[in-house]
Amino acid sequence: MKPATKKVTNKSAAAEFVTQIVPQPRKAVLAMPEYHPPLAGRDALRLDFNENTLSPSPRVIERLRQITAED
């Protein structure tokens, strides 16, 4: 059985429909200033200061190998 769909005929109706079904951020989140990470001291590619571009440690790789579908 196919799920019921609503046919939308114009862009404003489409935007309204999406707003109804897609969770919207709270006003406090929308009011937050845009984040701009500091760039000083970066001589190589960095995702951010809490991430790295290197592979995971050997301990992490070993633990990932131990994880099964049942975990």
Protein backbone atom coordinates (compact mmCIF):
# COMPACT_ATOMS: atom_id res chain seq x y z
CA MET A 1 0.00 0.00 0.00
CA LYS A 2 1.41 3.42 -1.01
CA PRO A 3 1.54 6.17 1.60
CA ALA A 4 -0.86 9.04 1.09
CA THR A 5 0.72 11.99 -0.65
CA LYS A 6 -0.45 15.55 -0.96
CA LYS A 7 -0.19 17.19 -4.39
CA VAL A 8 1.24 20.68 -4.15
CA THR A 9 0.51 23.08 -6.97
CA ASN A 10 2.57 26.18 -6.19
CA LYS A 11 5.81 27.13 -4.44
CA SER A 12 4.29 28.87 -1.42
CA ALA A 13 2.04 25.88 -0.77
CA ALA A 14 5.08 23.62 -1.14
CA ALA A 15 7.04 25.71 1.37
CA GLU A 16 4.13 25.62 3.81
CA PHE A 17 3.79 21.84 3.42
CA VAL A 18 7.52 21.31 4.03
CA THR A 19 7.39 23.56 7.10
CA GLN A 20 4.62 21.41 8.49
CA ILE A 21 6.45 18.09 8.06
CA VAL A 22 10.10 19.09 8.58
CA PRO A 23 11.13 19.95 12.14
CA GLN A 24 12.06 23.61 12.42
CA PRO A 25 14.77 24.95 14.73
CA ARG A 26 13.71 26.80 17.88
CA LYS A 27 13.81 30.60 17.78
CA ALA A 28 16.77 30.59 20.19
CA VAL A 29 18.76 28.47 17.72
CA LEU A 30 17.87 30.72 14.80
CA ALA A 31 18.98 33.76 16.82
CA MET A 32 22.44 32.31 17.50
CA PRO A 33 25.31 34.05 15.68
CA GLU A 34 26.95 32.17 12.83
CA TYR A 35 30.05 30.23 13.91
CA HIS A 36 33.39 31.16 12.36
CA PRO A 37 36.24 28.93 13.58
CA PRO A 38 39.58 30.55 14.33
CA LEU A 39 42.06 30.07 11.50
CA ALA A 40 45.28 31.16 13.23
CA GLY A 41 47.90 28.46 13.65
CA ARG A 42 46.51 26.12 11.02
CA ASP A 43 49.27 25.10 8.63
CA ALA A 44 47.47 22.02 7.32
CA LEU A 45 43.95 20.92 6.57
CA ARG A 46 41.89 20.81 9.76
CA LEU A 47 38.22 19.97 10.11
CA ASP A 48 38.04 21.78 13.43
CA PHE A 49 39.97 21.74 16.68
CA ASN A 50 38.02 18.78 18.05
CA GLU A 51 38.54 16.67 14.91
CA ASN A 52 41.57 15.47 13.00
CA THR A 53 42.53 14.51 9.47
CA LEU A 54 44.59 11.51 10.58
CA SER A 55 43.33 7.98 10.93
CA PRO A 56 41.87 6.81 14.23
CA SER A 57 44.19 5.42 16.87
CA PRO A 58 44.98 1.69 16.79
CA ARG A 59 42.84 1.25 19.93
CA VAL A 60 39.81 2.71 18.15
CA ILE A 61 40.36 0.50 15.10
CA GLU A 62 40.63 -2.59 17.31
CA ARG A 63 37.43 -1.72 19.15
CA LEU A 64 35.59 -1.14 15.87
CA ARG A 65 36.65 -4.59 14.72
CA GLN A 66 35.09 -6.07 17.86
CA ILE A 67 31.68 -4.49 17.28
CA THR A 68 29.09 -6.84 15.82
CA ALA A 69 25.64 -6.25 14.33
CA GLU A 70 24.12 -7.37 17.65
CA ASP A 71 25.93 -4.58 19.57
